[in-house]
N, C-alpha and C. Protein backbone atom coordinates (compact mmCIF):
# COMPACT_ATOMS: atom_id res chain seq x y z
N UNK A 1 0.84 -1.12 0.04
CA UNK A 1 0.17 -0.02 0.01
C UNK A 1 0.79 1.20 -0.01
N UNK A 2 1.37 1.56 -1.16
CA UNK A 2 2.26 2.72 -1.39
C UNK A 2 1.47 4.10 -0.98
N UNK A 3 2.18 5.04 -0.22
CA UNK A 3 1.77 6.32 -0.09
C UNK A 3 2.39 7.32 -1.07
N UNK A 4 1.45 8.01 -1.86
CA UNK A 4 1.99 9.02 -2.77
C UNK A 4 1.83 10.29 -2.62
N UNK A 5 2.87 11.07 -2.79
CA UNK A 5 2.85 12.55 -2.59
C UNK A 5 2.49 13.23 -3.96
N UNK A 6 1.55 14.20 -4.22
CA UNK A 6 1.28 14.70 -5.62
C UNK A 6 1.33 16.25 -5.54
N UNK A 7 2.01 16.72 -6.35
CA UNK A 7 2.08 18.06 -6.61
C UNK A 7 2.17 18.55 -8.10
N UNK A 8 2.13 19.78 -8.23
CA UNK A 8 2.13 20.35 -9.70
C UNK A 8 2.53 21.78 -9.64
N UNK A 9 2.75 22.48 -10.61
CA UNK A 9 3.12 23.88 -10.73
C UNK A 9 3.98 24.42 -9.61
N UNK A 10 5.03 23.69 -9.55
CA UNK A 10 6.12 24.25 -8.48
C UNK A 10 6.90 25.76 -9.13
N UNK A 11 7.05 25.69 -10.32
CA UNK A 11 7.50 27.11 -11.05
C UNK A 11 8.73 27.32 -10.20
N UNK A 12 9.81 26.48 -10.08
CA UNK A 12 10.99 26.79 -9.67
C UNK A 12 11.20 26.87 -8.07
N UNK A 13 10.01 26.32 -7.41
CA UNK A 13 10.00 26.40 -6.08
C UNK A 13 9.73 25.00 -5.24
N UNK A 14 10.78 24.37 -4.37
CA UNK A 14 10.48 23.25 -3.85
C UNK A 14 11.12 23.75 -2.52
N UNK A 15 10.38 23.70 -1.18
CA UNK A 15 10.94 24.15 0.05
C UNK A 15 10.64 23.02 1.04
N UNK A 16 11.22 23.43 2.22
CA UNK A 16 11.10 22.40 3.34
C UNK A 16 9.66 22.16 3.76
N UNK A 17 8.82 22.75 3.67
CA UNK A 17 7.45 22.74 3.86
C UNK A 17 6.76 21.29 2.96
N UNK A 18 7.21 21.41 1.71
CA UNK A 18 7.03 20.25 0.86
C UNK A 18 7.66 19.12 1.23
N UNK A 19 9.04 19.26 1.38
CA UNK A 19 9.66 18.15 1.90
C UNK A 19 9.27 17.50 3.12
N UNK A 20 8.73 18.16 4.21
CA UNK A 20 8.10 17.65 5.26
C UNK A 20 6.75 17.02 5.06
N UNK A 21 6.04 17.51 4.19
CA UNK A 21 4.63 16.94 3.85
C UNK A 21 4.83 15.68 3.16
N UNK A 22 6.03 15.37 2.31
CA UNK A 22 6.23 14.27 1.82
C UNK A 22 7.16 13.27 2.34
N UNK A 23 7.57 13.50 3.44
CA UNK A 23 8.54 13.00 4.30
C UNK A 23 8.27 11.33 4.52
N UNK A 24 6.83 11.11 4.74
CA UNK A 24 6.48 9.64 4.93
C UNK A 24 6.03 9.15 3.60
N UNK A 25 6.05 9.56 2.58
CA UNK A 25 5.50 8.99 1.29
C UNK A 25 6.51 8.01 0.65
N UNK A 26 6.02 7.06 -0.24
CA UNK A 26 6.92 6.10 -0.85
C UNK A 26 7.34 6.68 -2.22
N UNK A 27 6.59 7.59 -2.83
CA UNK A 27 6.80 8.29 -4.20
C UNK A 27 6.23 9.64 -4.29
N UNK A 28 6.88 10.26 -5.01
CA UNK A 28 5.96 11.62 -5.16
C UNK A 28 5.93 11.77 -6.82
N UNK A 29 4.80 12.15 -7.28
CA UNK A 29 4.13 12.39 -8.68
C UNK A 29 4.15 13.91 -8.82
N UNK A 30 4.75 14.31 -9.96
CA UNK A 30 4.66 15.95 -10.16
C UNK A 30 3.97 16.01 -11.46
N UNK A 31 2.78 16.69 -11.66
CA UNK A 31 1.96 16.69 -12.74
C UNK A 31 2.45 18.06 -13.62
N UNK A 32 3.58 18.61 -13.75
CA UNK A 32 4.18 19.42 -14.51
C UNK A 32 4.14 20.84 -14.30
N UNK A 33 5.03 21.64 -14.69
CA UNK A 33 5.48 22.92 -14.62
C UNK A 33 6.51 22.83 -13.55
N UNK A 34 7.66 22.08 -13.52
CA UNK A 34 8.52 22.04 -12.56
C UNK A 34 9.08 23.28 -12.40
N UNK A 35 9.31 24.08 -13.45
CA UNK A 35 9.98 25.37 -13.59
C UNK A 35 11.55 25.17 -14.07
N UNK A 36 12.23 24.12 -13.31
CA UNK A 36 13.45 23.81 -13.86
C UNK A 36 13.87 22.45 -13.44
N UNK A 37 15.01 21.90 -13.93
CA UNK A 37 15.61 20.66 -13.59
C UNK A 37 15.95 20.58 -12.05
N UNK A 38 16.23 21.57 -11.42
CA UNK A 38 16.77 21.60 -10.22
C UNK A 38 15.57 21.15 -8.84
N UNK A 39 14.35 21.56 -9.52
CA UNK A 39 13.29 21.01 -8.59
C UNK A 39 13.10 19.61 -8.80
N UNK A 40 13.16 18.95 -10.16
CA UNK A 40 13.09 17.53 -10.33
C UNK A 40 14.28 17.03 -9.55
N UNK A 41 15.39 17.55 -9.66
CA UNK A 41 16.70 16.71 -9.07
C UNK A 41 16.28 16.60 -7.56
N UNK A 42 15.81 17.77 -6.79
CA UNK A 42 15.64 17.96 -5.54
C UNK A 42 14.67 16.98 -5.07
N UNK A 43 13.61 16.61 -5.81
CA UNK A 43 12.66 15.77 -5.38
C UNK A 43 12.99 14.45 -5.61
N UNK A 44 13.79 14.05 -6.61
CA UNK A 44 14.22 12.60 -6.96
C UNK A 44 15.35 12.30 -5.93
N UNK A 45 16.06 13.32 -5.57
CA UNK A 45 16.97 12.92 -4.49
C UNK A 45 16.42 12.63 -3.12
N UNK A 46 15.05 12.95 -3.02
CA UNK A 46 14.49 12.48 -1.89
C UNK A 46 13.63 11.33 -1.61
N UNK A 47 12.87 11.21 -2.88
CA UNK A 47 11.95 10.07 -3.25
C UNK A 47 11.85 9.72 -4.49
N UNK A 48 11.68 8.53 -4.94
CA UNK A 48 11.40 8.27 -6.28
C UNK A 48 10.32 9.26 -6.91
N UNK A 49 10.67 9.61 -8.30
CA UNK A 49 9.66 10.59 -8.78
C UNK A 49 9.15 10.12 -10.12
N UNK A 50 7.72 10.34 -10.27
CA UNK A 50 7.26 10.16 -11.59
C UNK A 50 6.64 11.59 -12.10
N UNK A 51 7.02 12.03 -13.13
CA UNK A 51 6.65 13.42 -13.54
C UNK A 51 6.22 13.55 -15.02
N UNK A 52 5.75 14.57 -15.39
CA UNK A 52 5.48 14.99 -16.68
C UNK A 52 5.83 16.50 -16.89
N UNK A 53 6.22 16.76 -18.14
CA UNK A 53 6.60 18.35 -18.17
C UNK A 53 5.23 19.03 -18.41
N UNK A 54 5.33 20.39 -18.15
CA UNK A 54 4.30 21.50 -18.47
C UNK A 54 4.52 22.26 -19.40
N UNK A 55 3.62 23.05 -19.59
CA UNK A 55 3.78 24.06 -20.76
C UNK A 55 4.82 25.19 -20.42
N UNK A 56 5.27 25.32 -19.08
CA UNK A 56 6.32 26.31 -18.80
C UNK A 56 7.78 25.51 -18.64
N UNK A 57 7.83 24.29 -18.98
CA UNK A 57 9.13 23.58 -18.66
C UNK A 57 9.97 23.75 -19.84
N UNK A 58 11.16 23.97 -19.74
CA UNK A 58 12.25 23.95 -20.79
C UNK A 58 12.64 22.55 -21.27
N UNK A 59 13.69 22.47 -22.19
CA UNK A 59 14.20 21.39 -22.80
C UNK A 59 14.95 20.42 -21.53
N UNK A 60 15.45 21.15 -20.55
CA UNK A 60 16.06 20.46 -19.50
C UNK A 60 15.11 19.28 -18.84
N UNK A 61 13.95 19.87 -18.40
CA UNK A 61 12.93 19.09 -17.93
C UNK A 61 12.28 18.12 -18.98
N UNK A 62 12.04 18.76 -20.14
CA UNK A 62 11.40 17.72 -21.19
C UNK A 62 12.22 16.31 -21.58
N UNK A 63 13.52 16.70 -21.34
CA UNK A 63 14.61 15.63 -21.61
C UNK A 63 14.30 14.57 -20.73
N UNK A 64 13.93 14.77 -19.42
CA UNK A 64 13.87 14.09 -18.48
C UNK A 64 12.44 13.39 -18.13
N UNK A 65 11.56 14.18 -18.31
CA UNK A 65 9.89 13.80 -18.11
C UNK A 65 9.18 13.81 -19.34
N UNK A 66 8.49 12.94 -19.54
CA UNK A 66 7.63 12.96 -20.81
C UNK A 66 6.20 13.57 -20.69
N UNK A 67 5.64 13.73 -21.79
CA UNK A 67 4.44 14.71 -21.94
C UNK A 67 3.22 13.76 -21.13
N UNK A 68 3.15 12.51 -21.29
CA UNK A 68 2.21 11.90 -20.41
C UNK A 68 3.05 10.75 -19.59
N UNK A 69 2.28 10.10 -18.36
CA UNK A 69 2.53 9.01 -17.68
C UNK A 69 1.42 8.38 -17.79
N UNK A 70 1.71 7.11 -18.11
CA UNK A 70 0.55 6.02 -17.99
C UNK A 70 0.98 4.71 -17.37
N UNK A 71 0.43 4.45 -16.13
CA UNK A 71 0.98 3.43 -15.41
C UNK A 71 -0.03 2.74 -14.45
N UNK A 72 0.24 1.50 -13.99
CA UNK A 72 -0.58 0.71 -12.94
C UNK A 72 -0.01 0.64 -11.74
N UNK A 73 -0.95 0.71 -10.72
CA UNK A 73 -0.43 0.62 -9.19
C UNK A 73 -1.42 0.02 -8.47
N UNK A 74 -1.26 -1.17 -7.96
CA UNK A 74 -2.32 -1.71 -6.89
C UNK A 74 -3.69 -1.83 -7.51
N UNK A 75 -3.64 -2.21 -8.77
CA UNK A 75 -4.89 -2.48 -9.48
C UNK A 75 -5.62 -1.29 -9.94
N UNK A 76 -4.91 -0.07 -10.02
CA UNK A 76 -5.44 0.99 -10.70
C UNK A 76 -4.56 1.44 -11.66
N UNK A 77 -5.34 1.92 -12.90
CA UNK A 77 -4.48 2.58 -14.01
C UNK A 77 -4.61 4.02 -13.82
N UNK A 78 -3.45 4.65 -13.96
CA UNK A 78 -3.06 6.02 -13.77
C UNK A 78 -2.85 6.81 -15.05
N UNK A 79 -3.27 8.01 -15.44
CA UNK A 79 -3.01 8.59 -16.55
C UNK A 79 -2.63 10.23 -15.91
N UNK A 80 -1.35 10.55 -16.21
CA UNK A 80 -1.10 11.90 -15.91
C UNK A 80 -0.40 12.81 -16.88
N UNK A 81 -1.03 13.82 -17.03
CA UNK A 81 -0.48 14.85 -17.88
C UNK A 81 -0.78 16.34 -17.46
N UNK A 82 0.03 17.45 -17.94
CA UNK A 82 -0.13 18.64 -17.27
C UNK A 82 -1.38 19.46 -17.61
N UNK A 83 -1.50 19.75 -18.73
CA UNK A 83 -2.97 20.29 -19.17
C UNK A 83 -3.95 19.15 -19.38
N UNK A 84 -5.05 19.40 -18.55
CA UNK A 84 -5.97 18.21 -18.77
C UNK A 84 -7.44 18.83 -18.60
N UNK A 85 -7.75 19.79 -17.91
CA UNK A 85 -8.93 20.26 -17.56
C UNK A 85 -9.69 19.22 -16.44
N UNK A 86 -10.87 19.27 -16.53
CA UNK A 86 -11.83 18.51 -15.57
C UNK A 86 -12.98 17.95 -16.13
N UNK A 87 -13.76 17.06 -15.60
CA UNK A 87 -15.02 16.52 -16.23
C UNK A 87 -15.98 17.73 -16.71
N UNK A 88 -16.33 17.63 -17.90
CA UNK A 88 -17.20 18.23 -18.67
C UNK A 88 -16.54 19.44 -19.31
N UNK A 89 -15.16 19.67 -18.86
CA UNK A 89 -14.35 20.66 -19.56
C UNK A 89 -12.91 20.28 -19.71
N UNK A 90 -12.83 18.86 -20.31
CA UNK A 90 -11.41 18.35 -20.62
C UNK A 90 -10.63 18.95 -21.83
N UNK A 91 -9.48 19.20 -21.72
CA UNK A 91 -8.78 19.65 -22.81
C UNK A 91 -8.95 18.44 -23.99
N UNK A 92 -9.10 18.83 -25.24
CA UNK A 92 -9.29 17.88 -26.19
C UNK A 92 -8.22 16.73 -26.22
N UNK A 93 -7.04 16.90 -26.09
CA UNK A 93 -5.95 15.83 -26.02
C UNK A 93 -6.16 14.90 -24.84
N UNK A 94 -6.46 15.76 -23.71
CA UNK A 94 -6.75 14.99 -22.54
C UNK A 94 -8.01 13.77 -22.76
N UNK A 95 -8.94 14.37 -23.26
CA UNK A 95 -10.12 13.62 -23.36
C UNK A 95 -9.84 12.48 -24.43
N UNK A 96 -9.17 12.63 -25.56
CA UNK A 96 -8.77 11.55 -26.48
C UNK A 96 -7.93 10.61 -25.67
N UNK A 97 -7.01 10.77 -24.77
CA UNK A 97 -6.18 9.83 -24.11
C UNK A 97 -7.11 9.14 -23.03
N UNK A 98 -8.03 9.97 -22.45
CA UNK A 98 -8.85 9.23 -21.43
C UNK A 98 -9.88 8.18 -22.16
N UNK A 99 -10.28 8.36 -23.44
CA UNK A 99 -11.02 7.54 -24.16
C UNK A 99 -10.26 6.23 -24.59
N UNK A 100 -9.05 6.59 -24.89
CA UNK A 100 -8.08 5.67 -25.50
C UNK A 100 -7.58 4.67 -24.36
N UNK A 101 -7.34 5.12 -23.17
CA UNK A 101 -6.50 4.40 -22.39
C UNK A 101 -7.52 3.94 -21.13
N UNK A 102 -8.64 4.59 -20.98
CA UNK A 102 -9.51 4.34 -19.99
C UNK A 102 -8.91 4.23 -18.47
N UNK A 103 -8.39 5.26 -18.05
CA UNK A 103 -7.60 4.93 -16.67
C UNK A 103 -8.85 5.12 -15.59
N UNK A 104 -8.44 4.83 -14.46
CA UNK A 104 -9.19 4.87 -13.23
C UNK A 104 -8.95 6.08 -12.59
N UNK A 105 -7.80 6.81 -12.95
CA UNK A 105 -7.52 7.99 -12.07
C UNK A 105 -6.63 8.79 -13.24
N UNK A 106 -7.24 10.01 -13.31
CA UNK A 106 -6.88 11.19 -14.31
C UNK A 106 -6.09 12.10 -13.30
N UNK A 107 -4.86 12.54 -13.61
CA UNK A 107 -3.99 13.44 -12.80
C UNK A 107 -3.71 14.61 -13.78
N UNK A 108 -3.73 15.79 -13.30
CA UNK A 108 -3.28 16.92 -14.19
C UNK A 108 -2.94 17.96 -13.32
N UNK A 109 -2.54 19.08 -13.83
CA UNK A 109 -2.07 20.24 -13.16
C UNK A 109 -2.54 21.51 -14.08
N UNK A 110 -1.79 22.59 -13.99
CA UNK A 110 -1.92 23.86 -14.95
C UNK A 110 -3.04 24.76 -14.40
N UNK A 111 -4.03 24.50 -13.72
CA UNK A 111 -5.03 25.34 -13.59
C UNK A 111 -4.68 26.19 -12.23
N UNK A 112 -3.93 25.65 -11.42
CA UNK A 112 -3.53 26.21 -10.20
C UNK A 112 -4.76 25.93 -9.10
N UNK A 113 -5.64 25.33 -9.46
CA UNK A 113 -6.86 25.13 -8.69
C UNK A 113 -6.96 23.61 -8.20
N UNK A 114 -7.00 23.31 -6.84
CA UNK A 114 -7.03 21.94 -6.52
C UNK A 114 -8.51 21.56 -6.69
N UNK A 115 -8.56 20.39 -7.39
CA UNK A 115 -9.99 19.52 -7.43
C UNK A 115 -9.80 18.12 -7.47
N UNK A 116 -10.69 17.37 -6.69
CA UNK A 116 -10.80 16.04 -6.95
C UNK A 116 -12.23 15.89 -7.19
N UNK A 117 -12.55 15.25 -8.48
CA UNK A 117 -13.81 15.03 -8.86
C UNK A 117 -13.93 13.54 -9.47
N UNK A 118 -15.11 13.10 -8.90
CA UNK A 118 -15.77 11.91 -9.39
C UNK A 118 -16.29 12.15 -10.90
N UNK A 119 -15.62 11.58 -11.76
CA UNK A 119 -16.11 11.71 -13.24
C UNK A 119 -17.02 10.54 -13.49
N UNK A 120 -18.37 10.47 -13.31
CA UNK A 120 -19.09 9.19 -13.60
C UNK A 120 -19.26 9.06 -15.00
N UNK A 121 -19.14 9.92 -16.04
CA UNK A 121 -19.33 9.72 -17.37
C UNK A 121 -18.12 8.73 -17.90
N UNK A 122 -16.89 9.33 -17.33
CA UNK A 122 -15.79 8.44 -17.83
C UNK A 122 -15.35 7.41 -16.80
N UNK A 123 -16.08 7.23 -15.74
CA UNK A 123 -15.75 6.32 -14.77
C UNK A 123 -14.19 6.31 -14.13
N UNK A 124 -13.95 7.44 -13.69
CA UNK A 124 -12.55 7.95 -13.33
C UNK A 124 -12.74 9.01 -12.04
N UNK A 125 -11.65 8.90 -11.36
CA UNK A 125 -11.39 10.05 -10.50
C UNK A 125 -10.38 11.10 -11.08
N UNK A 126 -10.67 12.56 -11.22
CA UNK A 126 -9.93 13.43 -11.81
C UNK A 126 -9.24 14.32 -10.59
N UNK A 127 -7.96 14.33 -10.59
CA UNK A 127 -7.16 14.91 -9.48
C UNK A 127 -6.31 15.97 -10.18
N UNK A 128 -6.54 17.10 -9.54
CA UNK A 128 -5.54 18.16 -9.72
C UNK A 128 -5.01 18.89 -8.49
N UNK A 129 -3.60 18.58 -8.16
CA UNK A 129 -3.30 19.08 -6.76
C UNK A 129 -3.32 20.42 -6.60
N UNK A 130 -3.56 21.38 -7.48
CA UNK A 130 -3.29 22.66 -7.40
C UNK A 130 -1.94 23.11 -7.74
N UNK A 131 -1.37 24.23 -7.01
CA UNK A 131 -0.16 24.71 -7.31
C UNK A 131 0.61 24.70 -6.06
N UNK A 132 2.00 24.26 -5.93
CA UNK A 132 2.94 24.02 -5.03
C UNK A 132 3.65 24.95 -4.89
N UNK A 133 3.86 25.90 -5.81
CA UNK A 133 4.76 26.90 -6.01
C UNK A 133 4.30 28.20 -5.60
N UNK A 134 5.15 29.39 -5.94
CA UNK A 134 4.60 30.62 -5.42
C UNK A 134 4.49 31.73 -6.50
N UNK A 135 4.28 31.20 -7.61
CA UNK A 135 4.20 32.04 -8.77
C UNK A 135 2.80 31.67 -9.38
N UNK A 136 1.94 32.75 -9.73
CA UNK A 136 0.37 32.52 -10.05
C UNK A 136 -0.58 33.30 -9.35
N UNK A 137 -1.72 33.14 -9.66
CA UNK A 137 -2.85 33.94 -9.21
C UNK A 137 -3.19 33.30 -7.87
N UNK A 138 -3.11 32.19 -7.44
CA UNK A 138 -3.17 31.67 -6.19
C UNK A 138 -2.74 32.19 -4.86
N UNK A 139 -3.45 32.13 -3.88
CA UNK A 139 -2.84 32.46 -2.60
C UNK A 139 -2.44 31.67 -1.41
N UNK A 140 -2.78 30.47 -1.85
CA UNK A 140 -2.40 29.19 -1.02
C UNK A 140 -1.90 28.26 -2.00
N UNK A 141 -0.70 27.73 -1.49
CA UNK A 141 -0.06 26.53 -2.05
C UNK A 141 -0.69 25.19 -1.61
N UNK A 142 -0.88 24.45 -2.44
CA UNK A 142 -1.43 23.01 -2.11
C UNK A 142 -0.67 21.90 -2.76
N UNK A 143 -0.83 20.68 -2.15
CA UNK A 143 -0.31 19.42 -2.61
C UNK A 143 -1.15 18.37 -1.87
N UNK A 144 -1.11 17.27 -2.43
CA UNK A 144 -1.95 16.15 -1.82
C UNK A 144 -1.09 14.87 -1.70
N UNK A 145 -1.53 14.05 -0.59
CA UNK A 145 -1.07 12.67 -0.35
C UNK A 145 -2.34 11.73 -0.22
N UNK A 146 -2.05 10.61 -0.59
CA UNK A 146 -2.83 9.49 -0.37
C UNK A 146 -2.29 8.01 -0.58
N UNK A 147 -3.01 7.03 -0.14
CA UNK A 147 -2.52 5.62 -0.29
C UNK A 147 -3.38 4.96 -1.38
N UNK A 148 -2.59 4.19 -2.14
CA UNK A 148 -3.18 3.32 -3.08
C UNK A 148 -3.14 1.82 -2.67
N UNK A 149 -4.33 1.41 -2.56
CA UNK A 149 -4.39 -0.12 -2.08
C UNK A 149 -5.49 -0.82 -2.60
N UNK A 150 -5.51 -1.87 -3.15
CA UNK A 150 -6.52 -2.91 -3.57
C UNK A 150 -7.52 -2.18 -4.53
N UNK A 151 -6.83 -1.33 -5.53
CA UNK A 151 -7.65 -0.94 -6.55
C UNK A 151 -8.55 0.34 -5.98
N UNK A 152 -8.02 0.97 -5.02
CA UNK A 152 -8.80 2.17 -4.58
C UNK A 152 -7.83 3.16 -3.80
N UNK A 153 -8.19 4.41 -4.08
CA UNK A 153 -7.37 5.59 -3.24
C UNK A 153 -7.87 5.67 -1.88
N UNK A 154 -7.20 5.86 -0.87
CA UNK A 154 -7.47 5.90 0.49
C UNK A 154 -6.74 7.04 1.24
N UNK A 155 -7.45 7.65 2.26
CA UNK A 155 -6.70 8.57 3.23
C UNK A 155 -6.14 9.86 2.49
N UNK A 156 -6.92 10.40 1.66
CA UNK A 156 -6.27 11.61 0.88
C UNK A 156 -6.36 12.77 1.96
N UNK A 157 -5.21 13.36 1.89
CA UNK A 157 -5.03 14.65 2.73
C UNK A 157 -4.39 15.79 1.60
N UNK A 158 -5.05 16.92 2.05
CA UNK A 158 -4.66 18.25 1.35
C UNK A 158 -3.54 18.98 2.37
N UNK A 159 -2.24 19.14 1.77
CA UNK A 159 -1.62 20.30 2.46
C UNK A 159 -1.69 21.72 1.99
N UNK A 160 -1.82 22.62 2.75
CA UNK A 160 -2.18 23.95 2.24
C UNK A 160 -1.02 24.95 3.08
N UNK A 161 -0.30 25.98 2.33
CA UNK A 161 0.60 26.72 2.94
C UNK A 161 0.43 28.12 2.24
N UNK A 162 0.34 29.22 3.09
CA UNK A 162 0.19 30.50 2.63
C UNK A 162 1.38 31.07 2.33
N UNK A 163 1.52 31.94 1.24
CA UNK A 163 2.92 32.71 1.23
C UNK A 163 2.60 34.12 0.92
């Protein structure tokens, strides 16, 4: 039963608050807009990292992290990309991938708005962890952690930090 830390939109910022929040996780997943490769390196030095590049990421990040991640864990299929939208308002590329791969959990970033939505039409959970960085219109930084066990997500927690 792995414990996952999930964040997005760090925009060059990874600090001790995030390190502490992810201290007891088994892996960290980043849904894009690292900002630079130093953030990726800092996370991967601490925990195993799965990530995707975002629209603000340069070649340094794009050489390390793909456009999408598609993987299975504990009986669940996950699809992660940066620009994805949410149920009823998915980005057209995200919707094509959702229809093609039929994930149980769709993870995206980009909006800087934390959302966890049950998409009954596509039979999946849509998760956007919001923004963990200090650039953007948001006033509160957010990240999520949860357990994956026996084909389900458990014990989801939201971390919030004002800046």
